[in-house]
């Protein structure tokens, strides 16, 4: 093995670690996006219920 190969070997290993970590970050970001989308759906549902309750109360002011 020549000197250039010996010097590049740890660089290659480090680059592989960087690539693996970037892949993990992408996976985590995907999980965060999925969770955020679920929260958005839940917030929309709660908002709809509140609007429906408000409308029902306005239609029946004796409540």
PDB file of N, CA and C in Angstrom:
ATOM      1  N   UNK A   1       0.847  -1.171   0.000  1.00  0.00           N
ATOM      2  CA  UNK A   1       0.000   0.000   0.000  1.00  0.00           C
ATOM      3  C   UNK A   1       0.895   1.237   0.000  1.00  0.00           C
ATOM      4  N   UNK A   2       0.643   2.150  -0.903  1.00  0.00           N
ATOM      5  CA  UNK A   2       1.469   3.349  -0.929  1.00  0.00           C
ATOM      6  C   UNK A   2       0.952   4.390   0.061  1.00  0.00           C
ATOM      7  N   UNK A   3       1.699   5.461   0.228  1.00  0.00           N
ATOM      8  CA  UNK A   3       1.371   6.488   1.214  1.00  0.00           C
ATOM      9  C   UNK A   3       0.021   7.133   0.940  1.00  0.00           C
ATOM     10  N   UNK A   4      -0.273   7.401  -0.329  1.00  0.00           N
ATOM     11  CA  UNK A   4      -1.557   8.020  -0.680  1.00  0.00           C
ATOM     12  C   UNK A   4      -2.733   7.159  -0.260  1.00  0.00           C
ATOM     13  N   UNK A   5      -2.650   5.881  -0.476  1.00  0.00           N
ATOM     14  CA  UNK A   5      -3.721   4.963  -0.085  1.00  0.00           C
ATOM     15  C   UNK A   5      -3.880   4.917   1.427  1.00  0.00           C
ATOM     16  N   UNK A   6      -2.738   4.925   2.131  1.00  0.00           N
ATOM     17  CA  UNK A   6      -2.795   4.903   3.595  1.00  0.00           C
ATOM     18  C   UNK A   6      -3.454   6.175   4.136  1.00  0.00           C
ATOM     19  N   UNK A   7      -3.202   7.305   3.488  1.00  0.00           N
ATOM     20  CA  UNK A   7      -3.785   8.562   3.943  1.00  0.00           C
ATOM     21  C   UNK A   7      -5.277   8.637   3.626  1.00  0.00           C
ATOM     22  N   UNK A   8      -5.678   8.047   2.512  1.00  0.00           N
ATOM     23  CA  UNK A   8      -7.074   8.133   2.100  1.00  0.00           C
ATOM     24  C   UNK A   8      -7.981   7.133   2.805  1.00  0.00           C
ATOM     25  N   UNK A   9      -7.408   6.086   3.340  1.00  0.00           N
ATOM     26  CA  UNK A   9      -8.222   5.056   3.992  1.00  0.00           C
ATOM     27  C   UNK A   9      -9.076   5.628   5.136  1.00  0.00           C
ATOM     28  N   UNK A  10      -8.509   6.405   6.080  1.00  0.00           N
ATOM     29  CA  UNK A  10      -9.362   6.956   7.146  1.00  0.00           C
ATOM     30  C   UNK A  10     -10.357   7.999   6.621  1.00  0.00           C
ATOM     31  N   UNK A  11      -9.986   8.682   5.554  1.00  0.00           N
ATOM     32  CA  UNK A  11     -10.905   9.657   4.965  1.00  0.00           C
ATOM     33  C   UNK A  11     -12.135   8.940   4.421  1.00  0.00           C
ATOM     34  N   UNK A  12     -11.925   7.827   3.755  1.00  0.00           N
ATOM     35  CA  UNK A  12     -13.041   7.039   3.226  1.00  0.00           C
ATOM     36  C   UNK A  12     -13.943   6.539   4.339  1.00  0.00           C
ATOM     37  N   UNK A  13     -13.343   6.088   5.435  1.00  0.00           N
ATOM     38  CA  UNK A  13     -14.132   5.596   6.569  1.00  0.00           C
ATOM     39  C   UNK A  13     -14.946   6.735   7.174  1.00  0.00           C
ATOM     40  N   UNK A  14     -14.331   7.904   7.294  1.00  0.00           N
ATOM     41  CA  UNK A  14     -15.032   9.064   7.840  1.00  0.00           C
ATOM     42  C   UNK A  14     -16.186   9.474   6.935  1.00  0.00           C
ATOM     43  N   UNK A  15     -15.966   9.452   5.644  1.00  0.00           N
ATOM     44  CA  UNK A  15     -17.033   9.806   4.691  1.00  0.00           C
ATOM     45  C   UNK A  15     -18.190   8.822   4.801  1.00  0.00           C
ATOM     46  N   UNK A  16     -17.900   7.549   4.973  1.00  0.00           N
ATOM     47  CA  UNK A  16     -18.956   6.548   5.145  1.00  0.00           C
ATOM     48  C   UNK A  16     -19.756   6.818   6.419  1.00  0.00           C
ATOM     49  N   UNK A  17     -19.066   7.233   7.491  1.00  0.00           N
ATOM     50  CA  UNK A  17     -19.769   7.578   8.730  1.00  0.00           C
ATOM     51  C   UNK A  17     -20.668   8.785   8.515  1.00  0.00           C
ATOM     52  N   UNK A  18     -20.160   9.773   7.799  1.00  0.00           N
ATOM     53  CA  UNK A  18     -20.953  10.969   7.514  1.00  0.00           C
ATOM     54  C   UNK A  18     -22.205  10.587   6.723  1.00  0.00           C
ATOM     55  N   UNK A  19     -22.041   9.766   5.718  1.00  0.00           N
ATOM     56  CA  UNK A  19     -23.174   9.337   4.885  1.00  0.00           C
ATOM     57  C   UNK A  19     -24.197   8.577   5.731  1.00  0.00           C
ATOM     58  N   UNK A  20     -23.730   7.686   6.594  1.00  0.00           N
ATOM     59  CA  UNK A  20     -24.648   6.940   7.470  1.00  0.00           C
ATOM     60  C   UNK A  20     -25.420   7.886   8.390  1.00  0.00           C
ATOM     61  N   UNK A  21     -24.719   8.880   8.942  1.00  0.00           N
ATOM     62  CA  UNK A  21     -25.382   9.832   9.836  1.00  0.00           C
ATOM     63  C   UNK A  21     -26.381  10.709   9.086  1.00  0.00           C
ATOM     64  N   UNK A  22     -26.060  11.089   7.863  1.00  0.00           N
ATOM     65  CA  UNK A  22     -27.003  11.877   7.059  1.00  0.00           C
ATOM     66  C   UNK A  22     -28.257  11.054   6.793  1.00  0.00           C
ATOM     67  N   UNK A  23     -28.092   9.784   6.505  1.00  0.00           N
ATOM     68  CA  UNK A  23     -29.248   8.904   6.282  1.00  0.00           C
ATOM     69  C   UNK A  23     -30.118   8.824   7.536  1.00  0.00           C
ATOM     70  N   UNK A  24     -29.467   8.738   8.714  1.00  0.00           N
ATOM     71  CA  UNK A  24     -30.227   8.694   9.966  1.00  0.00           C
ATOM     72  C   UNK A  24     -31.006   9.989  10.176  1.00  0.00           C
ATOM     73  N   UNK A  25     -30.359  11.116   9.885  1.00  0.00           N
ATOM     74  CA  UNK A  25     -31.031  12.409  10.035  1.00  0.00           C
ATOM     75  C   UNK A  25     -32.232  12.491   9.096  1.00  0.00           C
ATOM     76  N   UNK A  26     -32.084  12.018   7.879  1.00  0.00           N
ATOM     77  CA  UNK A  26     -33.198  12.024   6.917  1.00  0.00           C
ATOM     78  C   UNK A  26     -34.347  11.162   7.440  1.00  0.00           C
ATOM     79  N   UNK A  27     -34.021  10.005   8.006  1.00  0.00           N
ATOM     80  CA  UNK A  27     -35.063   9.136   8.577  1.00  0.00           C
ATOM     81  C   UNK A  27     -35.783   9.832   9.732  1.00  0.00           C
ATOM     82  N   UNK A  28     -35.018  10.481  10.596  1.00  0.00           N
ATOM     83  CA  UNK A  28     -35.618  11.190  11.734  1.00  0.00           C
ATOM     84  C   UNK A  28     -36.502  12.330  11.240  1.00  0.00           C
ATOM     85  N   UNK A  29     -36.040  13.054  10.240  1.00  0.00           N
ATOM     86  CA  UNK A  29     -36.848  14.143   9.683  1.00  0.00           C
ATOM     87  C   UNK A  29     -38.157  13.610   9.106  1.00  0.00           C
ATOM     88  N   UNK A  30     -38.104  12.456   8.478  1.00  0.00           N
ATOM     89  CA  UNK A  30     -39.326  11.835   7.959  1.00  0.00           C
ATOM     90  C   UNK A  30     -40.293  11.481   9.077  1.00  0.00           C
ATOM     91  N   UNK A  31     -39.747  10.969  10.185  1.00  0.00           N
ATOM     92  CA  UNK A  31     -40.596  10.637  11.334  1.00  0.00           C
ATOM     93  C   UNK A  31     -41.217  11.905  11.925  1.00  0.00           C
ATOM     94  N   UNK A  32     -40.441  12.972  12.008  1.00  0.00           N
ATOM     95  CA  UNK A  32     -40.959  14.242  12.525  1.00  0.00           C
ATOM     96  C   UNK A  32     -42.060  14.769  11.611  1.00  0.00           C
ATOM     97  N   UNK A  33     -41.860  14.662  10.299  1.00  0.00           N
ATOM     98  CA  UNK A  33     -42.870  15.137   9.350  1.00  0.00           C
ATOM     99  C   UNK A  33     -44.153  14.330   9.490  1.00  0.00           C
ATOM    100  N   UNK A  34     -44.032  13.027   9.636  1.00  0.00           N
ATOM    101  CA  UNK A  34     -45.229  12.181   9.792  1.00  0.00           C
ATOM    102  C   UNK A  34     -45.970  12.541  11.077  1.00  0.00           C
ATOM    103  N   UNK A  35     -45.235  12.747  12.164  1.00  0.00           N
ATOM    104  CA  UNK A  35     -45.866  13.115  13.433  1.00  0.00           C
ATOM    105  C   UNK A  35     -46.529  14.484  13.325  1.00  0.00           C
ATOM    106  N   UNK A  36     -45.870  15.404  12.639  1.00  0.00           N
ATOM    107  CA  UNK A  36     -46.438  16.744  12.461  1.00  0.00           C
ATOM    108  C   UNK A  36     -47.735  16.683  11.660  1.00  0.00           C
ATOM    109  N   UNK A  37     -47.745  15.855  10.635  1.00  0.00           N
ATOM    110  CA  UNK A  37     -48.963  15.707   9.831  1.00  0.00           C
ATOM    111  C   UNK A  37     -50.109  15.139  10.668  1.00  0.00           C
ATOM    112  N   UNK A  38     -49.802  14.185  11.544  1.00  0.00           N
ATOM    113  CA  UNK A  38     -50.832  13.634  12.427  1.00  0.00           C
ATOM    114  C   UNK A  38     -51.356  14.716  13.367  1.00  0.00           C
ATOM    115  N   UNK A  39     -50.462  15.550  13.861  1.00  0.00           N
ATOM    116  CA  UNK A  39     -50.889  16.636  14.750  1.00  0.00           C
ATOM    117  C   UNK A  39     -51.778  17.624  14.003  1.00  0.00           C
ATOM    118  N   UNK A  40     -51.426  17.919  12.763  1.00  0.00           N
ATOM    119  CA  UNK A  40     -52.241  18.841  11.958  1.00  0.00           C
ATOM    120  C   UNK A  40     -53.649  18.288  11.796  1.00  0.00           C
ATOM    121  N   UNK A  41     -53.756  16.997  11.501  1.00  0.00           N
ATOM    122  CA  UNK A  41     -55.075  16.369  11.350  1.00  0.00           C
ATOM    123  C   UNK A  41     -55.850  16.477  12.664  1.00  0.00           C
ATOM    124  N   UNK A  42     -55.196  16.200  13.779  1.00  0.00           N
ATOM    125  CA  UNK A  42     -55.862  16.281  15.077  1.00  0.00           C
ATOM    126  C   UNK A  42     -56.315  17.695  15.400  1.00  0.00           C
ATOM    127  N   UNK A  43     -55.478  18.676  15.110  1.00  0.00           N
ATOM    128  CA  UNK A  43     -55.839  20.075  15.367  1.00  0.00           C
ATOM    129  C   UNK A  43     -57.031  20.483  14.508  1.00  0.00           C
ATOM    130  N   UNK A  44     -57.043  20.047  13.258  1.00  0.00           N
ATOM    131  CA  UNK A  44     -58.184  20.357  12.377  1.00  0.00           C
ATOM    132  C   UNK A  44     -59.465  19.743  12.922  1.00  0.00           C
ATOM    133  N   UNK A  45     -59.371  18.520  13.445  1.00  0.00           N
ATOM    134  CA  UNK A  45     -60.556  17.861  14.002  1.00  0.00           C
ATOM    135  C   UNK A  45     -61.070  18.611  15.225  1.00  0.00           C
ATOM    136  N   UNK A  46     -60.173  19.010  16.101  1.00  0.00           N
ATOM    137  CA  UNK A  46     -60.569  19.753  17.295  1.00  0.00           C
ATOM    138  C   UNK A  46     -61.186  21.092  16.888  1.00  0.00           C
ATOM    139  N   UNK A  47     -60.577  21.760  15.937  1.00  0.00           N
ATOM    140  CA  UNK A  47     -61.103  23.040  15.465  1.00  0.00           C
ATOM    141  C   UNK A  47     -62.508  22.870  14.908  1.00  0.00           C
ATOM    142  N   UNK A  48     -62.711  21.818  14.140  1.00  0.00           N
ATOM    143  CA  UNK A  48     -64.038  21.558  13.559  1.00  0.00           C
ATOM    144  C   UNK A  48     -65.078  21.353  14.659  1.00  0.00           C
ATOM    145  N   UNK A  49     -64.723  20.592  15.691  1.00  0.00           N
ATOM    146  CA  UNK A  49     -65.651  20.343  16.797  1.00  0.00           C
ATOM    147  C   UNK A  49     -65.973  21.654  17.509  1.00  0.00           C
ATOM    148  N   UNK A  50     -64.979  22.484  17.746  1.00  0.00           N
ATOM    149  CA  UNK A  50     -65.213  23.773  18.415  1.00  0.00           C
ATOM    150  C   UNK A  50     -66.126  24.655  17.575  1.00  0.00           C
ATOM    151  N   UNK A  51     -65.889  24.698  16.270  1.00  0.00           N
ATOM    152  CA  UNK A  51     -66.750  25.489  15.381  1.00  0.00           C
ATOM    153  C   UNK A  51     -68.173  24.954  15.411  1.00  0.00           C
ATOM    154  N   UNK A  52     -68.325  23.638  15.358  1.00  0.00           N
ATOM    155  CA  UNK A  52     -69.659  23.031  15.398  1.00  0.00           C
ATOM    156  C   UNK A  52     -70.366  23.356  16.722  1.00  0.00           C
ATOM    157  N   UNK A  53     -69.632  23.285  17.827  1.00  0.00           N
ATOM    158  CA  UNK A  53     -70.221  23.604  19.129  1.00  0.00           C
ATOM    159  C   UNK A  53     -70.630  25.076  19.182  1.00  0.00           C
ATOM    160  N   UNK A  54     -69.798  25.929  18.651  1.00  0.00           N
ATOM    161  CA  UNK A  54     -70.104  27.362  18.640  1.00  0.00           C
ATOM    162  C   UNK A  54     -71.350  27.644  17.807  1.00  0.00           C
ATOM    163  N   UNK A  55     -71.434  26.997  16.653  1.00  0.00           N
ATOM    164  CA  UNK A  55     -72.612  27.186  15.801  1.00  0.00           C
ATOM    165  C   UNK A  55     -73.876  26.669  16.492  1.00  0.00           C
ATOM    166  N   UNK A  56     -73.760  25.543  17.167  1.00  0.00           N
ATOM    167  CA  UNK A  56     -74.922  24.980  17.874  1.00  0.00           C
ATOM    168  C   UNK A  56     -75.363  25.923  18.988  1.00  0.00           C
ATOM    169  N   UNK A  57     -74.416  26.507  19.670  1.00  0.00           N
ATOM    170  CA  UNK A  57     -74.750  27.435  20.742  1.00  0.00           C
ATOM    171  C   UNK A  57     -75.414  28.689  20.198  1.00  0.00           C
ATOM    172  N   UNK A  58     -74.940  29.174  19.052  1.00  0.00           N
ATOM    173  CA  UNK A  58     -75.537  30.363  18.448  1.00  0.00           C
ATOM    174  C   UNK A  58     -76.966  30.079  17.967  1.00  0.00           C
ATOM    175  N   UNK A  59     -77.244  28.866  17.553  1.00  0.00           N
ATOM    176  CA  UNK A  59     -78.575  28.508  17.085  1.00  0.00           C
ATOM    177  C   UNK A  59     -79.533  28.296  18.260  1.00  0.00           C
ATOM    178  N   UNK A  60     -78.982  28.032  19.434  1.00  0.00           N
ATOM    179  CA  UNK A  60     -79.795  27.807  20.613  1.00  0.00           C
ATOM    180  C   UNK A  60     -79.289  28.717  21.734  1.00  0.00           C
ATOM    181  N   UNK A  61     -79.653  30.001  21.678  1.00  0.00           N
ATOM    182  CA  UNK A  61     -79.101  30.963  22.647  1.00  0.00           C
ATOM    183  C   UNK A  61     -79.517  30.700  24.092  1.00  0.00           C
ATOM    184  N   UNK A  62     -80.493  29.863  24.324  1.00  0.00           N
ATOM    185  CA  UNK A  62     -80.915  29.555  25.695  1.00  0.00           C
ATOM    186  C   UNK A  62     -79.876  28.724  26.431  1.00  0.00           C
ATOM    187  N   UNK A  63     -78.917  28.151  25.730  1.00  0.00           N
ATOM    188  CA  UNK A  63     -77.900  27.288  26.347  1.00  0.00           C
ATOM    189  C   UNK A  63     -76.943  28.077  27.187  1.00  0.00           C
TER     190      UNK A  63
END
